Amino acid sequence: MKKIKLSFKVIIWLIVVLQALSCKKEEKTKDAALKMQEFVIEISNYSKSINPNFIIIPQNGIELGYIDANPDNNLMLEYFAAIDGIAVEELFYNKTLTADQYRLNILRQLKNHVKKIIVSEYVSDQEQISDAVEKNTSEGFVCFVRTKNNYYYNQIPDFIYNENSENINNLSEIKNFLYLINSENFATKNEMINALKNTNYDLLLIDLFFVDDIFTNNEITQLKTKKNGSKRLVISYINIGAAEEYRYYWQPGWKLGKPAWIKKKYKGYGDEYRVEFWNQEWKNIIFGNDSSYIKKIIDAGFDGAFLDNTESYFFLYHRG
């Protein structure tokens, strides 16, 4: 094979080009982060204009709590005025089975500015469950732990940590929560409703739909009472950073690049696509009108919305 020799000038040119591309990528990421901050605030303002007590919990993207989404800057107070809690995944038990110190340090700074930080841990061994709960509890976080057979949040665990009989009227009062957004293990909606009613979780995090059937206001009202008779909160999952092929809003002919704001495949999820969430067409799907996703959540009687994929601003221009 013939060896290719690059002149010093060509090497310098390549370095300059690569640096320019990197800077451009970072500029786009920062701009997208600012747009995600604005998006979350807009969703909150719309929701709370209808129900002032409506709870907003963004998942991941914790850097959004800072000006320019930079943890070296001051807190963005407008963002914290819009949200009630923060959710993250795999904080103490991640792929390396060690604490994510970067995110932990940020969450320690932010925990006094929200009503509650909730964490979903993923463990490989049942014996690690209590340790994951203990580590989060010691930080003042509320933890839900799933194992390999519950990777897609489709099961109700047999045991509830920090189970109690207190009435839960506010996010700050919760001591545990259930993360169940996949209904595949239930044959019917009634079966799922009865299973949920038969638990004492302080907060239920579920999807707006059972398969394609939206939960009604009456059904959600039933879920707001624990098995022991005390009150609890019921929050709806919504993906604001990625479009999902199986959702009611997905149109025939949609695919990657069509519409143009469907920008990138979501690694690991074959039926999801990262979107330019600042596009008005996507915003109209999510909030602001009677047929929007958030309005459906409010009409169904949920206490709040769990905004997933707020970190999508980063992955639009980076791997993932």
C-alpha atoms as a PDB file:
ATOM      1  CA  MET A   1       0.000   0.000   0.000  1.00  0.00           C
ATOM      2  CA  LYS A   2       1.329   3.394  -0.978  1.00  0.00           C
ATOM      3  CA  LYS A   3       1.993   5.643   2.006  1.00  0.00           C
ATOM      4  CA  ILE A   4       0.460   9.100   1.902  1.00  0.00           C
ATOM      5  CA  LYS A   5       2.666  11.880   3.208  1.00  0.00           C
ATOM      6  CA  LEU A   6       1.002  15.060   4.367  1.00  0.00           C
ATOM      7  CA  SER A   7       2.840  18.323   4.292  1.00  0.00           C
ATOM      8  CA  PHE A   8       3.104  20.430   7.416  1.00  0.00           C
ATOM      9  CA  LYS A   9       0.753  23.011   5.873  1.00  0.00           C
ATOM     10  CA  VAL A  10      -1.882  20.368   5.136  1.00  0.00           C
ATOM     11  CA  ILE A  11      -1.695  19.035   8.693  1.00  0.00           C
ATOM     12  CA  ILE A  12      -2.132  22.553  10.110  1.00  0.00           C
ATOM     13  CA  TRP A  13      -5.068  23.113   7.759  1.00  0.00           C
ATOM     14  CA  LEU A  14      -6.740  19.895   8.901  1.00  0.00           C
ATOM     15  CA  ILE A  15      -6.297  20.861  12.541  1.00  0.00           C
ATOM     16  CA  VAL A  16      -7.871  24.272  11.910  1.00  0.00           C
ATOM     17  CA  VAL A  17     -10.814  22.709  10.066  1.00  0.00           C
ATOM     18  CA  LEU A  18     -11.446  20.178  12.821  1.00  0.00           C
ATOM     19  CA  GLN A  19     -11.290  22.878  15.494  1.00  0.00           C
ATOM     20  CA  ALA A  20     -13.724  25.024  13.531  1.00  0.00           C
ATOM     21  CA  LEU A  21     -16.153  22.115  13.173  1.00  0.00           C
ATOM     22  CA  SER A  22     -15.879  21.381  16.884  1.00  0.00           C
ATOM     23  CA  CYS A  23     -16.571  25.015  17.789  1.00  0.00           C
ATOM     24  CA  LYS A  24     -19.554  25.083  15.453  1.00  0.00           C
ATOM     25  CA  LYS A  25     -20.935  21.924  17.071  1.00  0.00           C
ATOM     26  CA  GLU A  26     -20.570  23.418  20.543  1.00  0.00           C
ATOM     27  CA  GLU A  27     -22.250  26.643  19.439  1.00  0.00           C
ATOM     28  CA  LYS A  28     -25.193  24.642  18.091  1.00  0.00           C
ATOM     29  CA  THR A  29     -25.362  22.641  21.329  1.00  0.00           C
ATOM     30  CA  LYS A  30     -25.419  25.778  23.458  1.00  0.00           C
ATOM     31  CA  ASP A  31     -28.115  27.330  21.277  1.00  0.00           C
ATOM     32  CA  ALA A  32     -30.201  24.146  21.519  1.00  0.00           C
ATOM     33  CA  ALA A  33     -29.768  24.113  25.310  1.00  0.00           C
ATOM     34  CA  LEU A  34     -31.154  27.637  25.551  1.00  0.00           C
ATOM     35  CA  LYS A  35     -34.087  26.575  23.388  1.00  0.00           C
ATOM     36  CA  MET A  36     -34.751  23.581  25.672  1.00  0.00           C
ATOM     37  CA  GLN A  37     -34.756  25.860  28.712  1.00  0.00           C
ATOM     38  CA  GLU A  38     -37.297  28.033  26.924  1.00  0.00           C
ATOM     39  CA  PHE A  39     -39.331  24.975  25.869  1.00  0.00           C
ATOM     40  CA  VAL A  40     -39.636  23.652  29.430  1.00  0.00           C
ATOM     41  CA  ILE A  41     -40.609  27.104  30.708  1.00  0.00           C
ATOM     42  CA  GLU A  42     -43.242  27.479  27.978  1.00  0.00           C
ATOM     43  CA  ILE A  43     -44.722  24.059  28.779  1.00  0.00           C
ATOM     44  CA  SER A  44     -44.840  24.956  32.458  1.00  0.00           C
ATOM     45  CA  ASN A  45     -46.418  28.377  31.885  1.00  0.00           C
ATOM     46  CA  TYR A  46     -49.099  26.863  29.673  1.00  0.00           C
ATOM     47  CA  SER A  47     -49.847  24.025  32.100  1.00  0.00           C
ATOM     48  CA  LYS A  48     -49.944  26.204  35.204  1.00  0.00           C
ATOM     49  CA  SER A  49     -52.177  28.753  33.483  1.00  0.00           C
ATOM     50  CA  ILE A  50     -54.792  25.982  33.388  1.00  0.00           C
ATOM     51  CA  ASN A  51     -53.925  24.340  36.713  1.00  0.00           C
ATOM     52  CA  PRO A  52     -51.655  26.404  39.004  1.00  0.00           C
ATOM     53  CA  ASN A  53     -50.817  23.257  41.012  1.00  0.00           C
ATOM     54  CA  PHE A  54     -49.735  21.258  37.966  1.00  0.00           C
ATOM     55  CA  ILE A  55     -46.368  19.587  38.638  1.00  0.00           C
ATOM     56  CA  ILE A  56     -43.505  19.782  36.129  1.00  0.00           C
ATOM     57  CA  ILE A  57     -40.597  17.320  36.446  1.00  0.00           C
ATOM     58  CA  PRO A  58     -37.941  17.328  33.692  1.00  0.00           C
ATOM     59  CA  GLN A  59     -35.812  14.185  33.466  1.00  0.00           C
ATOM     60  CA  ASN A  60     -32.031  14.476  32.877  1.00  0.00           C
ATOM     61  CA  GLY A  61     -30.475  17.554  31.280  1.00  0.00           C
ATOM     62  CA  ILE A  62     -29.687  18.889  34.751  1.00  0.00           C
ATOM     63  CA  GLU A  63     -27.293  21.495  33.312  1.00  0.00           C
ATOM     64  CA  LEU A  64     -30.417  23.355  32.166  1.00  0.00           C
ATOM     65  CA  GLY A  65     -30.673  24.682  35.707  1.00  0.00           C
ATOM     66  CA  TYR A  66     -27.827  27.085  34.992  1.00  0.00           C
ATOM     67  CA  ILE A  67     -27.447  30.171  32.825  1.00  0.00           C
ATOM     68  CA  ASP A  68     -26.307  29.051  29.355  1.00  0.00           C
ATOM     69  CA  ALA A  69     -26.697  25.463  30.642  1.00  0.00           C
ATOM     70  CA  ASN A  70     -23.226  25.775  32.144  1.00  0.00           C
ATOM     71  CA  PRO A  71     -22.742  24.563  35.758  1.00  0.00           C
ATOM     72  CA  ASP A  72     -19.934  27.105  36.153  1.00  0.00           C
ATOM     73  CA  ASN A  73     -22.531  29.879  35.869  1.00  0.00           C
ATOM     74  CA  ASN A  74     -25.238  31.059  38.260  1.00  0.00           C
ATOM     75  CA  LEU A  75     -28.574  29.295  38.554  1.00  0.00           C
ATOM     76  CA  MET A  76     -31.237  30.173  36.000  1.00  0.00           C
ATOM     77  CA  LEU A  77     -33.977  31.293  38.360  1.00  0.00           C
ATOM     78  CA  GLU A  78     -36.662  31.457  35.675  1.00  0.00           C
ATOM     79  CA  TYR A  79     -36.124  27.774  34.968  1.00  0.00           C
ATOM     80  CA  PHE A  80     -36.477  26.840  38.642  1.00  0.00           C
ATOM     81  CA  ALA A  81     -39.625  28.933  38.902  1.00  0.00           C
ATOM     82  CA  ALA A  82     -41.072  26.755  36.136  1.00  0.00           C
ATOM     83  CA  ILE A  83     -40.227  23.294  37.500  1.00  0.00           C
ATOM     84  CA  ASP A  84     -41.163  21.470  40.689  1.00  0.00           C
ATOM     85  CA  GLY A  85     -38.714  18.582  40.687  1.00  0.00           C
ATOM     86  CA  ILE A  86     -35.800  17.054  38.823  1.00  0.00           C
ATOM     87  CA  ALA A  87     -35.449  13.446  37.718  1.00  0.00           C
ATOM     88  CA  VAL A  88     -32.317  11.564  36.681  1.00  0.00           C
ATOM     89  CA  GLU A  89     -31.479   8.002  35.729  1.00  0.00           C
ATOM     90  CA  GLU A  90     -28.651   5.779  36.982  1.00  0.00           C
ATOM     91  CA  LEU A  91     -26.897   8.113  39.380  1.00  0.00           C
ATOM     92  CA  PHE A  92     -25.149   5.751  41.806  1.00  0.00           C
ATOM     93  CA  TYR A  93     -25.528   2.591  39.757  1.00  0.00           C
ATOM     94  CA  ASN A  94     -24.557   3.376  36.195  1.00  0.00           C
ATOM     95  CA  LYS A  95     -22.572   1.350  33.646  1.00  0.00           C
ATOM     96  CA  THR A  96     -19.423   1.465  35.755  1.00  0.00           C
ATOM     97  CA  LEU A  97     -21.315   0.671  38.996  1.00  0.00           C
ATOM     98  CA  THR A  98     -19.839   3.782  40.583  1.00  0.00           C
ATOM     99  CA  ALA A  99     -21.474   7.088  41.406  1.00  0.00           C
ATOM    100  CA  ASP A 100     -21.616   9.637  38.608  1.00  0.00           C
ATOM    101  CA  GLN A 101     -19.743  12.244  40.612  1.00  0.00           C
ATOM    102  CA  TYR A 102     -20.253  15.001  38.043  1.00  0.00           C
ATOM    103  CA  ARG A 103     -24.044  14.768  38.177  1.00  0.00           C
ATOM    104  CA  LEU A 104     -24.073  14.072  41.903  1.00  0.00           C
ATOM    105  CA  ASN A 105     -22.197  17.293  42.601  1.00  0.00           C
ATOM    106  CA  ILE A 106     -24.657  19.239  40.445  1.00  0.00           C
ATOM    107  CA  LEU A 107     -27.672  17.652  42.126  1.00  0.00           C
ATOM    108  CA  ARG A 108     -26.268  18.527  45.532  1.00  0.00           C
ATOM    109  CA  GLN A 109     -26.245  22.165  44.397  1.00  0.00           C
ATOM    110  CA  LEU A 110     -29.752  22.014  42.963  1.00  0.00           C
ATOM    111  CA  LYS A 111     -31.667  19.995  45.574  1.00  0.00           C
ATOM    112  CA  ASN A 112     -32.530  23.005  47.712  1.00  0.00           C
ATOM    113  CA  HIS A 113     -34.095  24.774  44.735  1.00  0.00           C
ATOM    114  CA  VAL A 114     -36.724  22.148  43.882  1.00  0.00           C
ATOM    115  CA  LYS A 115     -39.347  20.285  45.892  1.00  0.00           C
ATOM    116  CA  LYS A 116     -37.814  16.886  45.200  1.00  0.00           C
ATOM    117  CA  ILE A 117     -35.119  15.098  43.226  1.00  0.00           C
ATOM    118  CA  ILE A 118     -36.160  11.647  42.076  1.00  0.00           C
ATOM    119  CA  VAL A 119     -33.749   9.026  40.802  1.00  0.00           C
ATOM    120  CA  SER A 120     -34.263   5.844  38.815  1.00  0.00           C
ATOM    121  CA  GLU A 121     -31.455   3.370  39.431  1.00  0.00           C
ATOM    122  CA  TYR A 122     -30.695   0.234  37.404  1.00  0.00           C
ATOM    123  CA  VAL A 123     -29.014  -2.637  39.234  1.00  0.00           C
ATOM    124  CA  SER A 124     -27.812  -6.019  38.022  1.00  0.00           C
ATOM    125  CA  ASP A 125     -28.297  -7.796  41.339  1.00  0.00           C
ATOM    126  CA  GLN A 126     -31.295  -7.852  43.678  1.00  0.00           C
ATOM    127  CA  GLU A 127     -28.916  -7.451  46.608  1.00  0.00           C
ATOM    128  CA  GLN A 128     -27.928  -4.002  45.299  1.00  0.00           C
ATOM    129  CA  ILE A 129     -31.447  -2.603  45.574  1.00  0.00           C
ATOM    130  CA  SER A 130     -31.312  -1.645  49.241  1.00  0.00           C
ATOM    131  CA  ASP A 131     -27.872  -0.072  48.776  1.00  0.00           C
ATOM    132  CA  ALA A 132     -29.128   2.064  45.888  1.00  0.00           C
ATOM    133  CA  VAL A 133     -32.091   3.243  47.966  1.00  0.00           C
ATOM    134  CA  GLU A 134     -29.873   3.968  50.973  1.00  0.00           C
ATOM    135  CA  LYS A 135     -27.357   5.999  48.945  1.00  0.00           C
ATOM    136  CA  ASN A 136     -30.081   8.146  47.409  1.00  0.00           C
ATOM    137  CA  THR A 137     -31.951   8.568  50.677  1.00  0.00           C
ATOM    138  CA  SER A 138     -28.775   9.784  52.380  1.00  0.00           C
ATOM    139  CA  GLU A 139     -28.582  12.571  49.765  1.00  0.00           C
ATOM    140  CA  GLY A 140     -32.222  13.513  50.244  1.00  0.00           C
ATOM    141  CA  PHE A 141     -33.274  11.968  46.909  1.00  0.00           C
ATOM    142  CA  VAL A 142     -36.232   9.622  46.374  1.00  0.00           C
ATOM    143  CA  CYS A 143     -35.280   6.457  44.538  1.00  0.00           C
ATOM    144  CA  PHE A 144     -36.929   3.852  42.323  1.00  0.00           C
ATOM    145  CA  VAL A 145     -34.823   0.784  41.533  1.00  0.00           C
ATOM    146  CA  ARG A 146     -35.319  -1.515  38.571  1.00  0.00           C
ATOM    147  CA  THR A 147     -33.535  -4.743  37.693  1.00  0.00           C
ATOM    148  CA  LYS A 148     -32.766  -6.423  34.360  1.00  0.00           C
ATOM    149  CA  ASN A 149     -36.237  -7.911  33.920  1.00  0.00           C
ATOM    150  CA  ASN A 150     -37.716  -4.432  34.454  1.00  0.00           C
ATOM    151  CA  TYR A 151     -35.349  -2.512  32.188  1.00  0.00           C
ATOM    152  CA  TYR A 152     -38.210  -0.944  30.215  1.00  0.00           C
ATOM    153  CA  TYR A 153     -40.217   0.086  33.274  1.00  0.00           C
ATOM    154  CA  ASN A 154     -42.922  -2.525  32.743  1.00  0.00           C
ATOM    155  CA  GLN A 155     -43.256  -4.122  36.196  1.00  0.00           C
ATOM    156  CA  ILE A 156     -44.517  -3.250  39.648  1.00  0.00           C
ATOM    157  CA  PRO A 157     -41.870  -4.347  42.177  1.00  0.00           C
ATOM    158  CA  ASP A 158     -43.003  -6.579  45.032  1.00  0.00           C
ATOM    159  CA  PHE A 159     -41.578  -4.360  47.755  1.00  0.00           C
ATOM    160  CA  ILE A 160     -41.905  -0.624  48.424  1.00  0.00           C
ATOM    161  CA  TYR A 161     -39.106   1.112  50.294  1.00  0.00           C
ATOM    162  CA  ASN A 162     -40.185   3.802  52.760  1.00  0.00           C
ATOM    163  CA  GLU A 163     -43.834   2.728  52.479  1.00  0.00           C
ATOM    164  CA  ASN A 164     -46.161   4.925  54.541  1.00  0.00           C
ATOM    165  CA  SER A 165     -49.805   5.811  55.177  1.00  0.00           C
ATOM    166  CA  GLU A 166     -49.413   9.582  54.911  1.00  0.00           C
ATOM    167  CA  ASN A 167     -51.533  11.719  52.615  1.00  0.00           C
ATOM    168  CA  ILE A 168     -49.409  13.066  49.765  1.00  0.00           C
ATOM    169  CA  ASN A 169     -50.594  16.430  48.495  1.00  0.00           C
ATOM    170  CA  ASN A 170     -47.291  17.874  47.337  1.00  0.00           C
ATOM    171  CA  LEU A 171     -44.231  16.577  45.508  1.00  0.00           C
ATOM    172  CA  SER A 172     -42.050  17.526  48.487  1.00  0.00           C
ATOM    173  CA  GLU A 173     -43.909  14.964  50.634  1.00  0.00           C
ATOM    174  CA  ILE A 174     -43.183  11.826  48.601  1.00  0.00           C
ATOM    175  CA  LYS A 175     -40.949   9.114  50.084  1.00  0.00           C
ATOM    176  CA  ASN A 176     -41.177   6.625  47.199  1.00  0.00           C
ATOM    177  CA  PHE A 177     -42.506   6.387  43.654  1.00  0.00           C
ATOM    178  CA  LEU A 178     -43.369   3.856  40.971  1.00  0.00           C
ATOM    179  CA  TYR A 179     -41.948   4.253  37.458  1.00  0.00           C
ATOM    180  CA  LEU A 180     -44.233   2.232  35.166  1.00  0.00           C
ATOM    181  CA  ILE A 181     -44.528   3.614  31.632  1.00  0.00           C
ATOM    182  CA  ASN A 182     -44.794   0.349  29.691  1.00  0.00           C
ATOM    183  CA  SER A 183     -48.105  -1.514  29.907  1.00  0.00           C
ATOM    184  CA  GLU A 184     -47.106  -4.634  27.947  1.00  0.00           C
ATOM    185  CA  ASN A 185     -47.414  -6.972  30.947  1.00  0.00           C
ATOM    186  CA  PHE A 186     -51.092  -6.172  31.472  1.00  0.00           C
ATOM    187  CA  ALA A 187     -53.742  -7.819  29.309  1.00  0.00           C
ATOM    188  CA  THR A 188     -56.279  -5.018  29.762  1.00  0.00           C
ATOM    189  CA  LYS A 189     -56.451  -1.461  31.023  1.00  0.00           C
ATOM    190  CA  ASN A 190     -58.639  -2.560  33.946  1.00  0.00           C
ATOM    191  CA  GLU A 191     -56.029  -5.114  34.964  1.00  0.00           C
ATOM    192  CA  MET A 192     -53.391  -2.405  35.067  1.00  0.00           C
ATOM    193  CA  ILE A 193     -55.637   0.008  36.970  1.00  0.00           C
ATOM    194  CA  ASN A 194     -56.481  -2.618  39.578  1.00  0.00           C
ATOM    195  CA  ALA A 195     -52.814  -3.526  40.002  1.00  0.00           C
ATOM    196  CA  LEU A 196     -51.915   0.127  40.555  1.00  0.00           C
ATOM    197  CA  LYS A 197     -54.803   0.686  42.976  1.00  0.00           C
ATOM    198  CA  ASN A 198     -53.483  -2.236  44.995  1.00  0.00           C
ATOM    199  CA  THR A 199     -50.221  -0.427  45.855  1.00  0.00           C
ATOM    200  CA  ASN A 200     -49.142   2.131  48.433  1.00  0.00           C
ATOM    201  CA  TYR A 201     -46.721   4.174  46.340  1.00  0.00           C
ATOM    202  CA  ASP A 202     -46.707   7.906  47.111  1.00  0.00           C
ATOM    203  CA  LEU A 203     -46.408   8.786  43.429  1.00  0.00           C
ATOM    204  CA  LEU A 204     -47.357   6.859  40.309  1.00  0.00           C
ATOM    205  CA  LEU A 205     -45.461   7.742  37.149  1.00  0.00           C
ATOM    206  CA  ILE A 206     -47.350   6.192  34.241  1.00  0.00           C
ATOM    207  CA  ASP A 207     -48.037   6.839  30.568  1.00  0.00           C
ATOM    208  CA  LEU A 208     -51.036   8.814  29.362  1.00  0.00           C
ATOM    209  CA  PHE A 209     -52.088   5.785  27.344  1.00  0.00           C
ATOM    210  CA  PHE A 210     -52.713   2.100  27.885  1.00  0.00           C
ATOM    211  CA  VAL A 211     -51.439   1.016  24.473  1.00  0.00           C
ATOM    212  CA  ASP A 212     -53.520   3.450  22.341  1.00  0.00           C
ATOM    213  CA  ASP A 213     -56.312   3.950  24.855  1.00  0.00           C
ATOM    214  CA  ILE A 214     -56.014   7.175  26.820  1.00  0.00           C
ATOM    215  CA  PHE A 215     -56.692   7.058  30.556  1.00  0.00           C
ATOM    216  CA  THR A 216     -59.873   8.883  31.519  1.00  0.00           C
ATOM    217  CA  ASN A 217     -60.314  11.433  34.267  1.00  0.00           C
ATOM    218  CA  ASN A 218     -62.356   8.935  36.275  1.00  0.00           C
ATOM    219  CA  GLU A 219     -59.648   6.270  35.966  1.00  0.00           C
ATOM    220  CA  ILE A 220     -56.886   8.649  37.066  1.00  0.00           C
ATOM    221  CA  THR A 221     -59.032   9.792  40.013  1.00  0.00           C
ATOM    222  CA  GLN A 222     -59.257   6.157  41.148  1.00  0.00           C
ATOM    223  CA  LEU A 223     -55.463   5.913  41.114  1.00  0.00           C
ATOM    224  CA  LYS A 224     -55.029   8.919  43.399  1.00  0.00           C
ATOM    225  CA  THR A 225     -55.865   6.821  46.449  1.00  0.00           C
ATOM    226  CA  LYS A 226     -53.388   4.296  47.841  1.00  0.00           C
ATOM    227  CA  LYS A 227     -54.485   0.841  48.873  1.00  0.00           C
ATOM    228  CA  ASN A 228     -54.290   1.993  52.519  1.00  0.00           C
ATOM    229  CA  GLY A 229     -56.759   4.820  51.799  1.00  0.00           C
ATOM    230  CA  SER A 230     -54.406   7.807  51.866  1.00  0.00           C
ATOM    231  CA  LYS A 231     -53.880  10.230  48.986  1.00  0.00           C
ATOM    232  CA  ARG A 232     -51.103  10.143  46.416  1.00  0.00           C
ATOM    233  CA  LEU A 233     -49.972  11.887  43.221  1.00  0.00           C
ATOM    234  CA  VAL A 234     -50.286  10.559  39.667  1.00  0.00           C
ATOM    235  CA  ILE A 235     -47.906  11.976  37.043  1.00  0.00           C
ATOM    236  CA  SER A 236     -47.923  11.382  33.287  1.00  0.00           C
ATOM    237  CA  TYR A 237     -44.850  10.600  31.206  1.00  0.00           C
ATOM    238  CA  ILE A 238     -44.301  12.638  28.036  1.00  0.00           C
ATOM    239  CA  ASN A 239     -41.312  12.579  25.689  1.00  0.00           C
ATOM    240  CA  ILE A 240     -40.603  16.179  24.685  1.00  0.00           C
ATOM    241  CA  GLY A 241     -37.215  15.641  23.033  1.00  0.00           C
ATOM    242  CA  ALA A 242     -37.982  12.762  20.684  1.00  0.00           C
ATOM    243  CA  ALA A 243     -40.845  11.787  18.400  1.00  0.00           C
ATOM    244  CA  GLU A 244     -42.228   8.259  18.773  1.00  0.00           C
ATOM    245  CA  GLU A 245     -43.709   6.333  15.851  1.00  0.00           C
ATOM    246  CA  TYR A 246     -46.353   4.652  18.022  1.00  0.00           C
ATOM    247  CA  ARG A 247     -47.914   7.904  19.288  1.00  0.00           C
ATOM    248  CA  TYR A 248     -51.238   9.301  18.077  1.00  0.00           C
ATOM    249  CA  TYR A 249     -49.557  12.346  16.490  1.00  0.00           C
ATOM    250  CA  TRP A 250     -47.324  10.324  14.123  1.00  0.00           C
ATOM    251  CA  GLN A 251     -48.451  10.886  10.535  1.00  0.00           C
ATOM    252  CA  PRO A 252     -48.318   8.542   7.507  1.00  0.00           C
ATOM    253  CA  GLY A 253     -45.191   9.243   5.488  1.00  0.00           C
ATOM    254  CA  TRP A 254     -43.220  10.644   8.419  1.00  0.00           C
ATOM    255  CA  LYS A 255     -39.656   9.388   8.617  1.00  0.00           C
ATOM    256  CA  LEU A 256     -36.150  10.630   9.302  1.00  0.00           C
ATOM    257  CA  GLY A 257     -35.913  14.050   7.672  1.00  0.00           C
ATOM    258  CA  LYS A 258     -39.598  14.237   6.827  1.00  0.00           C
ATOM    259  CA  PRO A 259     -40.737  16.583   8.299  1.00  0.00           C
ATOM    260  CA  ALA A 260     -37.338  18.294   8.317  1.00  0.00           C
ATOM    261  CA  TRP A 261     -37.407  18.721  12.112  1.00  0.00           C
ATOM    262  CA  ILE A 262     -37.187  14.925  12.592  1.00  0.00           C
ATOM    263  CA  LYS A 263     -33.428  15.073  12.704  1.00  0.00           C
ATOM    264  CA  LYS A 264     -31.749  11.967  14.052  1.00  0.00           C
ATOM    265  CA  LYS A 265     -32.342   8.340  15.004  1.00  0.00           C
ATOM    266  CA  TYR A 266     -32.415   7.755  18.744  1.00  0.00           C
ATOM    267  CA  LYS A 267     -29.707   5.211  19.460  1.00  0.00           C
ATOM    268  CA  GLY A 268     -31.147   2.100  21.110  1.00  0.00           C
ATOM    269  CA  TYR A 269     -34.763   2.959  20.261  1.00  0.00           C
ATOM    270  CA  GLY A 270     -35.671   1.999  16.707  1.00  0.00           C
ATOM    271  CA  ASP A 271     -39.052   3.723  16.748  1.00  0.00           C
ATOM    272  CA  GLU A 272     -37.914   7.061  18.167  1.00  0.00           C
ATOM    273  CA  TYR A 273     -36.245  10.089  16.583  1.00  0.00           C
ATOM    274  CA  ARG A 274     -34.613  13.141  18.092  1.00  0.00           C
ATOM    275  CA  VAL A 275     -36.309  16.298  16.937  1.00  0.00           C
ATOM    276  CA  GLU A 276     -35.637  20.004  16.612  1.00  0.00           C
ATOM    277  CA  PHE A 277     -37.926  20.590  19.554  1.00  0.00           C
ATOM    278  CA  TRP A 278     -38.007  24.333  18.962  1.00  0.00           C
ATOM    279  CA  ASN A 279     -39.855  23.841  15.682  1.00  0.00           C
ATOM    280  CA  GLN A 280     -43.355  25.307  15.995  1.00  0.00           C
ATOM    281  CA  GLU A 281     -44.999  22.214  14.510  1.00  0.00           C
ATOM    282  CA  TRP A 282     -43.469  20.074  17.285  1.00  0.00           C
ATOM    283  CA  LYS A 283     -44.359  22.658  19.918  1.00  0.00           C
ATOM    284  CA  ASN A 284     -47.970  22.588  18.744  1.00  0.00           C
ATOM    285  CA  ILE A 285     -47.987  18.823  19.207  1.00  0.00           C
ATOM    286  CA  ILE A 286     -46.692  19.127  22.766  1.00  0.00           C
ATOM    287  CA  PHE A 287     -48.559  22.126  24.239  1.00  0.00           C
ATOM    288  CA  GLY A 288     -50.545  25.299  23.695  1.00  0.00           C
ATOM    289  CA  ASN A 289     -53.852  24.081  22.258  1.00  0.00           C
ATOM    290  CA  ASP A 290     -56.789  21.827  23.118  1.00  0.00           C
ATOM    291  CA  SER A 291     -55.501  18.925  21.011  1.00  0.00           C
ATOM    292  CA  SER A 292     -51.939  19.092  22.375  1.00  0.00           C
ATOM    293  CA  TYR A 293     -50.308  16.302  24.373  1.00  0.00           C
ATOM    294  CA  ILE A 294     -50.041  18.357  27.577  1.00  0.00           C
ATOM    295  CA  LYS A 295     -53.707  19.393  27.347  1.00  0.00           C
ATOM    296  CA  LYS A 296     -54.669  15.722  27.048  1.00  0.00           C
ATOM    297  CA  ILE A 297     -52.654  15.023  30.221  1.00  0.00           C
ATOM    298  CA  ILE A 298     -54.389  17.865  32.060  1.00  0.00           C
ATOM    299  CA  ASP A 299     -57.846  16.821  30.832  1.00  0.00           C
ATOM    300  CA  ALA A 300     -57.193  13.257  32.013  1.00  0.00           C
ATOM    301  CA  GLY A 301     -56.748  14.601  35.552  1.00  0.00           C
ATOM    302  CA  PHE A 302     -53.044  13.935  36.098  1.00  0.00           C
ATOM    303  CA  ASP A 303     -51.316  15.950  38.813  1.00  0.00           C
ATOM    304  CA  GLY A 304     -48.405  16.780  36.552  1.00  0.00           C
ATOM    305  CA  ALA A 305     -46.128  15.870  33.674  1.00  0.00           C
ATOM    306  CA  PHE A 306     -42.765  14.114  33.590  1.00  0.00           C
ATOM    307  CA  LEU A 307     -40.782  15.673  30.728  1.00  0.00           C
ATOM    308  CA  ASP A 308     -38.396  13.071  29.350  1.00  0.00           C
ATOM    309  CA  ASN A 309     -35.410  13.652  27.055  1.00  0.00           C
ATOM    310  CA  THR A 310     -34.717  17.229  28.053  1.00  0.00           C
ATOM    311  CA  GLU A 311     -31.058  16.354  27.421  1.00  0.00           C
ATOM    312  CA  SER A 312     -31.890  15.841  23.749  1.00  0.00           C
ATOM    313  CA  TYR A 313     -30.407  19.267  23.050  1.00  0.00           C
ATOM    314  CA  PHE A 314     -26.968  17.680  23.516  1.00  0.00           C
ATOM    315  CA  PHE A 315     -27.519  14.496  21.534  1.00  0.00           C
ATOM    316  CA  LEU A 316     -28.790  16.326  18.462  1.00  0.00           C
ATOM    317  CA  TYR A 317     -25.152  17.176  17.712  1.00  0.00           C
ATOM    318  CA  HIS A 318     -23.287  14.446  19.595  1.00  0.00           C
ATOM    319  CA  ARG A 319     -23.444  10.666  19.655  1.00  0.00           C
ATOM    320  CA  GLY A 320     -26.476   9.089  21.247  1.00  0.00           C
END
